[in-house]
Amino acid sequence: MTVLFENSTEKAVGQELIEKVIKESLSYEGIQDDCEVSVCIVHNDDIHALNLKHRGIDRPTDVLSFPLIDYEKESLPQDGSRVYLGDIVISIDKAEEQAKEYGHSLEREIGFLTAHSMLHLLGYDHMTKAEEKVMFKKQEDILEALGLKR
């Protein structure tokens, strides 16, 4: 597993925590391939611009996922080869706001956003109630395995 990490803010963000969540997400899903993911920590203005450009939504969001695999047309090779899964962009400002709002640590919120985004990179979505139930259960299982409880 390779994580390309960039923090474009002045705030300290635990790269080690993010890598642990990515590793646990892959393990939870039984993925044996050598996966690569990029993670970028940004401020609200940066994620706002990305959200508008790529989703047409004119506001900041907490996390954006840019998967490179179209799971409707292809799947992971499962042969141990290197696979680039995609990009994760996390707003540190939103993460801080939400940690305070939900009454848990910033680490837990960063962990949640990373697990959520990893599941998107692995083909999960939450467009329907059934999809949401599956995805949110997986997120909680991943976070619980790492001791990142609310």
Protein backbone atom coordinates (compact mmCIF):
# COMPACT_ATOMS: atom_id res chain seq x y z
CA MET A 1 0.00 0.00 0.00
CA THR A 2 1.26 3.43 -0.92
CA VAL A 3 -0.28 6.67 0.31
CA LEU A 4 0.73 9.88 -1.41
CA PHE A 5 0.03 12.50 1.26
CA GLU A 6 -0.09 16.26 0.94
CA ASN A 7 -1.19 18.76 3.55
CA SER A 8 -1.70 22.15 1.93
CA THR A 9 -2.74 23.71 5.25
CA GLU A 10 -0.73 24.95 8.20
CA LYS A 11 -2.58 22.56 10.52
CA ALA A 12 -1.07 19.34 11.79
CA VAL A 13 -2.92 16.30 10.48
CA GLY A 14 -1.92 12.75 11.35
CA GLN A 15 -0.67 11.10 8.18
CA GLU A 16 -0.09 7.92 10.20
CA LEU A 17 -3.76 7.83 11.23
CA ILE A 18 -4.90 8.26 7.63
CA GLU A 19 -2.59 5.47 6.49
CA LYS A 20 -3.93 3.16 9.23
CA VAL A 21 -7.52 3.82 8.14
CA ILE A 22 -6.65 3.18 4.50
CA LYS A 23 -4.87 -0.04 5.41
CA GLU A 24 -7.78 -1.21 7.59
CA SER A 25 -10.28 -0.34 4.83
CA LEU A 26 -8.37 -2.47 2.34
CA SER A 27 -8.01 -5.30 4.83
CA TYR A 28 -11.70 -5.15 5.76
CA GLU A 29 -12.58 -5.54 2.09
CA GLY A 30 -10.09 -8.39 1.66
CA ILE A 31 -8.07 -6.53 -0.95
CA GLN A 32 -4.69 -8.12 -1.57
CA ASP A 33 -3.51 -5.89 -4.42
CA ASP A 34 -0.75 -3.34 -3.96
CA CYS A 35 -2.96 -0.25 -3.85
CA GLU A 36 -2.03 3.39 -4.14
CA VAL A 37 -4.16 6.28 -2.89
CA SER A 38 -3.47 10.00 -2.77
CA VAL A 39 -4.76 12.10 0.11
CA CYS A 40 -4.75 15.88 0.21
CA ILE A 41 -5.73 18.01 3.22
CA VAL A 42 -7.10 21.41 2.22
CA HIS A 43 -9.05 24.39 3.52
CA ASN A 44 -12.72 25.07 2.80
CA ASP A 45 -12.03 27.45 -0.08
CA ASP A 46 -10.05 24.79 -1.94
CA ILE A 47 -12.59 22.01 -1.47
CA HIS A 48 -15.37 24.47 -2.34
CA ALA A 49 -13.72 25.13 -5.71
CA LEU A 50 -13.31 21.39 -6.34
CA ASN A 51 -16.90 20.67 -5.32
CA LEU A 52 -18.18 23.33 -7.71
CA LYS A 53 -15.94 22.21 -10.58
CA HIS A 54 -16.52 18.46 -10.32
CA ARG A 55 -20.00 18.18 -8.79
CA GLY A 56 -21.63 21.51 -9.61
CA ILE A 57 -22.27 22.15 -5.91
CA ASP A 58 -21.44 25.70 -4.84
CA ARG A 59 -20.34 25.13 -1.24
CA PRO A 60 -17.54 23.49 0.69
CA THR A 61 -17.93 19.86 1.67
CA ASP A 62 -16.09 17.67 4.14
CA VAL A 63 -14.52 15.13 1.78
CA LEU A 64 -14.36 14.39 -1.93
CA SER A 65 -13.48 11.07 -3.51
CA PHE A 66 -12.18 10.65 -7.03
CA PRO A 67 -12.18 6.91 -7.83
CA LEU A 68 -10.26 5.76 -10.88
CA ILE A 69 -12.03 2.43 -11.25
CA ASP A 70 -15.50 2.27 -12.78
CA TYR A 71 -16.85 -0.71 -10.87
CA GLU A 72 -19.84 -1.01 -13.22
CA LYS A 73 -17.41 -1.91 -16.03
CA GLU A 74 -14.38 -3.39 -14.27
CA SER A 75 -13.17 -4.78 -10.96
CA LEU A 76 -9.97 -4.95 -8.96
CA PRO A 77 -7.56 -7.48 -10.47
CA GLN A 78 -7.06 -9.47 -7.20
CA ASP A 79 -3.74 -10.81 -8.52
CA GLY A 80 -1.43 -8.74 -6.34
CA SER A 81 -0.70 -6.19 -9.05
CA ARG A 82 -0.39 -2.48 -8.27
CA VAL A 83 -3.70 -0.62 -8.49
CA TYR A 84 -4.15 3.13 -8.27
CA LEU A 85 -7.53 3.57 -6.55
CA GLY A 86 -7.86 7.35 -6.75
CA ASP A 87 -7.75 10.55 -4.74
CA ILE A 88 -9.18 11.69 -1.42
CA VAL A 89 -9.49 15.39 -0.56
CA ILE A 90 -10.38 16.30 3.04
CA SER A 91 -11.31 19.76 4.30
CA ILE A 92 -9.56 20.28 7.63
CA ASP A 93 -11.97 23.15 8.36
CA LYS A 94 -15.05 20.95 7.91
CA ALA A 95 -13.40 18.12 9.86
CA GLU A 96 -12.80 20.46 12.81
CA GLU A 97 -16.37 21.83 12.62
CA GLN A 98 -17.91 18.35 12.47
CA ALA A 99 -15.74 16.94 15.26
CA LYS A 100 -16.98 19.75 17.50
CA GLU A 101 -20.59 19.35 16.30
CA TYR A 102 -20.62 15.58 16.91
CA GLY A 103 -18.67 15.80 20.16
CA HIS A 104 -15.77 13.56 19.22
CA SER A 105 -12.08 14.02 18.49
CA LEU A 106 -10.63 15.45 15.32
CA GLU A 107 -8.80 12.13 14.89
CA ARG A 108 -12.12 10.27 14.88
CA GLU A 109 -13.55 12.69 12.31
CA ILE A 110 -10.49 12.43 10.04
CA GLY A 111 -10.71 8.65 10.41
CA PHE A 112 -14.39 8.69 9.51
CA LEU A 113 -13.85 10.89 6.45
CA THR A 114 -10.97 8.69 5.30
CA ALA A 115 -12.95 5.44 5.73
CA HIS A 116 -15.96 6.99 4.00
CA SER A 117 -13.86 8.12 1.07
CA MET A 118 -11.98 4.81 0.84
CA LEU A 119 -15.28 2.97 0.50
CA HIS A 120 -16.18 5.30 -2.38
CA LEU A 121 -12.83 4.50 -4.00
CA LEU A 122 -13.70 0.82 -3.60
CA GLY A 123 -17.03 1.19 -5.39
CA TYR A 124 -19.52 1.79 -2.58
CA ASP A 125 -22.10 4.55 -2.61
CA HIS A 126 -25.00 5.79 -0.51
CA MET A 127 -27.51 6.97 -3.09
CA THR A 128 -30.23 4.65 -1.79
CA LYS A 129 -31.19 3.71 1.77
CA ALA A 130 -29.98 0.13 1.19
CA GLU A 131 -26.58 1.32 -0.12
CA GLU A 132 -26.31 3.80 2.74
CA LYS A 133 -26.98 1.10 5.33
CA VAL A 134 -24.26 -1.16 3.90
CA MET A 135 -21.70 1.62 3.51
CA PHE A 136 -22.28 3.16 6.92
CA LYS A 137 -22.02 -0.24 8.64
CA LYS A 138 -18.68 -0.85 6.91
CA GLN A 139 -17.42 2.60 7.98
CA GLU A 140 -18.31 1.94 11.60
CA ASP A 141 -16.71 -1.53 11.52
CA ILE A 142 -13.47 -0.07 10.13
CA LEU A 143 -13.37 2.71 12.71
CA GLU A 144 -14.23 0.36 15.56
CA ALA A 145 -11.39 -1.99 14.54
CA LEU A 146 -9.04 0.98 14.98
CA GLY A 147 -10.57 2.11 18.28
CA LEU A 148 -12.00 5.31 16.75
CA LYS A 149 -15.36 5.33 18.50
CA ARG A 150 -17.69 8.23 19.01
